[in-house]
Amino acid sequence: MIRDDVCYLVAESPAAHGIFDTPEETPRMVYCSVQSVRRDEFYRALENKLHPAIVFELQDAIEYQGEKIVLWQGINDTALRRFRVIRTYQSRFALELVCEEATVDA
């Protein structure tokens, strides 16, 4: 599949000043394709109080280093949207990141 979009995987590191400080975030750009969440997965996730909204498909698992936050700007968006990774899936040809909309403090 063609990776015709970009997203930013955000690595979080503990703040240097103290335990109650906000972690520092370091975004890293990767190429991806954006897909809808499959219907059956969407409804099964709702049963577990998860709200999957989007799937980012990366070329290879080596591009993913365990980040929990993804930033992405859709065609009609004016700013980057923030997503939280709720599940990963390694297929034979790609790595899928199933994500839900995240709040700023997520």
C-alpha atoms as a PDB file:
ATOM      1  CA  MET A   1       0.000   0.000   0.000  1.00  0.00           C
ATOM      2  CA  ILE A   2       1.201   3.510  -0.784  1.00  0.00           C
ATOM      3  CA  ARG A   3       2.081   5.640   2.231  1.00  0.00           C
ATOM      4  CA  ASP A   4       0.717   8.973   1.015  1.00  0.00           C
ATOM      5  CA  ASP A   5       0.377  10.836   4.296  1.00  0.00           C
ATOM      6  CA  VAL A   6       2.531  11.752   7.265  1.00  0.00           C
ATOM      7  CA  CYS A   7       1.957  11.550  10.992  1.00  0.00           C
ATOM      8  CA  TYR A   8       4.135  12.308  13.975  1.00  0.00           C
ATOM      9  CA  LEU A   9       4.896   9.665  16.586  1.00  0.00           C
ATOM     10  CA  VAL A  10       5.470  11.410  19.900  1.00  0.00           C
ATOM     11  CA  ALA A  11       8.046  10.042  22.325  1.00  0.00           C
ATOM     12  CA  GLU A  12       7.590  11.184  25.898  1.00  0.00           C
ATOM     13  CA  SER A  13      10.484  11.565  28.297  1.00  0.00           C
ATOM     14  CA  PRO A  14      10.208  12.391  31.986  1.00  0.00           C
ATOM     15  CA  ALA A  15      10.584  16.069  32.776  1.00  0.00           C
ATOM     16  CA  ALA A  16      13.995  16.966  34.144  1.00  0.00           C
ATOM     17  CA  HIS A  17      12.668  19.278  36.854  1.00  0.00           C
ATOM     18  CA  GLY A  18      10.413  17.106  38.935  1.00  0.00           C
ATOM     19  CA  ILE A  19       7.864  14.354  39.255  1.00  0.00           C
ATOM     20  CA  PHE A  20       4.837  16.615  38.792  1.00  0.00           C
ATOM     21  CA  ASP A  21       6.076  18.363  35.652  1.00  0.00           C
ATOM     22  CA  THR A  22       4.644  17.600  32.231  1.00  0.00           C
ATOM     23  CA  PRO A  23       6.776  15.087  30.278  1.00  0.00           C
ATOM     24  CA  GLU A  24       8.772  16.472  27.391  1.00  0.00           C
ATOM     25  CA  GLU A  25       7.483  15.388  23.987  1.00  0.00           C
ATOM     26  CA  THR A  26       9.630  14.717  20.939  1.00  0.00           C
ATOM     27  CA  PRO A  27       7.659  14.226  17.694  1.00  0.00           C
ATOM     28  CA  ARG A  28       9.142  12.154  14.867  1.00  0.00           C
ATOM     29  CA  MET A  29       7.687  12.226  11.344  1.00  0.00           C
ATOM     30  CA  VAL A  30       6.859   8.930   9.627  1.00  0.00           C
ATOM     31  CA  TYR A  31       5.063   8.146   6.404  1.00  0.00           C
ATOM     32  CA  CYS A  32       1.739   6.374   6.757  1.00  0.00           C
ATOM     33  CA  SER A  33      -1.584   5.663   5.171  1.00  0.00           C
ATOM     34  CA  VAL A  34      -4.756   6.574   7.022  1.00  0.00           C
ATOM     35  CA  GLN A  35      -7.691   4.186   7.226  1.00  0.00           C
ATOM     36  CA  SER A  36     -11.047   3.965   8.908  1.00  0.00           C
ATOM     37  CA  VAL A  37     -11.590   1.663  11.834  1.00  0.00           C
ATOM     38  CA  ARG A  38     -13.336  -1.510  10.709  1.00  0.00           C
ATOM     39  CA  ARG A  39     -16.943  -1.766  11.822  1.00  0.00           C
ATOM     40  CA  ASP A  40     -16.605  -4.972  13.839  1.00  0.00           C
ATOM     41  CA  GLU A  41     -13.517  -3.689  15.647  1.00  0.00           C
ATOM     42  CA  PHE A  42     -15.265  -0.396  16.414  1.00  0.00           C
ATOM     43  CA  TYR A  43     -18.241  -2.062  18.096  1.00  0.00           C
ATOM     44  CA  ARG A  44     -16.113  -4.574  19.996  1.00  0.00           C
ATOM     45  CA  ALA A  45     -13.955  -1.739  21.313  1.00  0.00           C
ATOM     46  CA  LEU A  46     -17.014   0.179  22.500  1.00  0.00           C
ATOM     47  CA  GLU A  47     -17.926  -2.790  24.676  1.00  0.00           C
ATOM     48  CA  ASN A  48     -14.616  -2.209  26.478  1.00  0.00           C
ATOM     49  CA  LYS A  49     -15.160   1.560  26.747  1.00  0.00           C
ATOM     50  CA  LEU A  50     -12.606   2.339  24.029  1.00  0.00           C
ATOM     51  CA  HIS A  51     -13.412   4.700  21.169  1.00  0.00           C
ATOM     52  CA  PRO A  52     -11.241   3.889  18.135  1.00  0.00           C
ATOM     53  CA  ALA A  53     -11.393   6.676  15.577  1.00  0.00           C
ATOM     54  CA  ILE A  54      -8.629   6.085  13.045  1.00  0.00           C
ATOM     55  CA  VAL A  55      -5.967   3.613  11.913  1.00  0.00           C
ATOM     56  CA  PHE A  56      -2.475   4.691  10.875  1.00  0.00           C
ATOM     57  CA  GLU A  57      -0.660   2.088   8.809  1.00  0.00           C
ATOM     58  CA  LEU A  58       3.137   2.254   8.860  1.00  0.00           C
ATOM     59  CA  GLN A  59       5.383   0.526   6.375  1.00  0.00           C
ATOM     60  CA  ASP A  60       7.210  -1.567   8.960  1.00  0.00           C
ATOM     61  CA  ALA A  61       7.266  -2.270  12.684  1.00  0.00           C
ATOM     62  CA  ILE A  62      10.803  -0.892  12.888  1.00  0.00           C
ATOM     63  CA  GLU A  63       9.355   2.618  12.450  1.00  0.00           C
ATOM     64  CA  TYR A  64       7.372   2.265  15.676  1.00  0.00           C
ATOM     65  CA  GLN A  65       9.211   2.534  18.983  1.00  0.00           C
ATOM     66  CA  GLY A  66       6.334   2.175  21.435  1.00  0.00           C
ATOM     67  CA  GLU A  67       5.036   5.730  21.250  1.00  0.00           C
ATOM     68  CA  LYS A  68       1.581   6.229  22.765  1.00  0.00           C
ATOM     69  CA  ILE A  69       0.706   9.545  21.071  1.00  0.00           C
ATOM     70  CA  VAL A  70       0.245  10.263  17.347  1.00  0.00           C
ATOM     71  CA  LEU A  71      -0.215  13.715  15.827  1.00  0.00           C
ATOM     72  CA  TRP A  72      -1.893  14.054  12.443  1.00  0.00           C
ATOM     73  CA  GLN A  73      -3.414  16.836  10.360  1.00  0.00           C
ATOM     74  CA  GLY A  74      -6.209  15.766   8.071  1.00  0.00           C
ATOM     75  CA  ILE A  75      -7.059  17.524   4.835  1.00  0.00           C
ATOM     76  CA  ASN A  76      -9.853  19.586   6.379  1.00  0.00           C
ATOM     77  CA  ASP A  77      -8.108  20.227   9.710  1.00  0.00           C
ATOM     78  CA  THR A  78      -6.496  23.543  10.549  1.00  0.00           C
ATOM     79  CA  ALA A  79      -4.208  22.110  13.231  1.00  0.00           C
ATOM     80  CA  LEU A  80      -2.630  18.829  14.248  1.00  0.00           C
ATOM     81  CA  ARG A  81      -5.026  16.457  15.958  1.00  0.00           C
ATOM     82  CA  ARG A  82      -3.858  14.328  18.863  1.00  0.00           C
ATOM     83  CA  PHE A  83      -4.554  10.595  19.054  1.00  0.00           C
ATOM     84  CA  ARG A  84      -3.749   7.938  21.651  1.00  0.00           C
ATOM     85  CA  VAL A  85      -2.629   4.489  20.483  1.00  0.00           C
ATOM     86  CA  ILE A  86      -4.976   1.873  21.911  1.00  0.00           C
ATOM     87  CA  ARG A  87      -3.765  -1.144  19.940  1.00  0.00           C
ATOM     88  CA  THR A  88      -1.098  -2.179  17.460  1.00  0.00           C
ATOM     89  CA  TYR A  89      -1.345  -4.951  14.915  1.00  0.00           C
ATOM     90  CA  GLN A  90       1.569  -6.385  12.985  1.00  0.00           C
ATOM     91  CA  SER A  91       0.528  -7.843   9.653  1.00  0.00           C
ATOM     92  CA  ARG A  92       2.811  -9.426   7.106  1.00  0.00           C
ATOM     93  CA  PHE A  93       3.183  -6.170   5.190  1.00  0.00           C
ATOM     94  CA  ALA A  94       2.666  -3.329   7.687  1.00  0.00           C
ATOM     95  CA  LEU A  95       2.080  -2.194  11.249  1.00  0.00           C
ATOM     96  CA  GLU A  96      -1.325  -0.757  12.147  1.00  0.00           C
ATOM     97  CA  LEU A  97      -1.808   1.732  14.971  1.00  0.00           C
ATOM     98  CA  VAL A  98      -5.455   1.825  16.067  1.00  0.00           C
ATOM     99  CA  CYS A  99      -6.025   5.175  17.793  1.00  0.00           C
ATOM    100  CA  GLU A 100      -8.654   7.194  19.578  1.00  0.00           C
ATOM    101  CA  GLU A 101      -8.932  10.982  19.908  1.00  0.00           C
ATOM    102  CA  ALA A 102      -6.883  12.133  22.868  1.00  0.00           C
ATOM    103  CA  THR A 103      -7.157  15.064  25.163  1.00  0.00           C
ATOM    104  CA  VAL A 104      -4.169  17.332  25.620  1.00  0.00           C
ATOM    105  CA  ASP A 105      -3.261  15.689  28.937  1.00  0.00           C
ATOM    106  CA  ALA A 106      -3.509  12.109  27.604  1.00  0.00           C
END
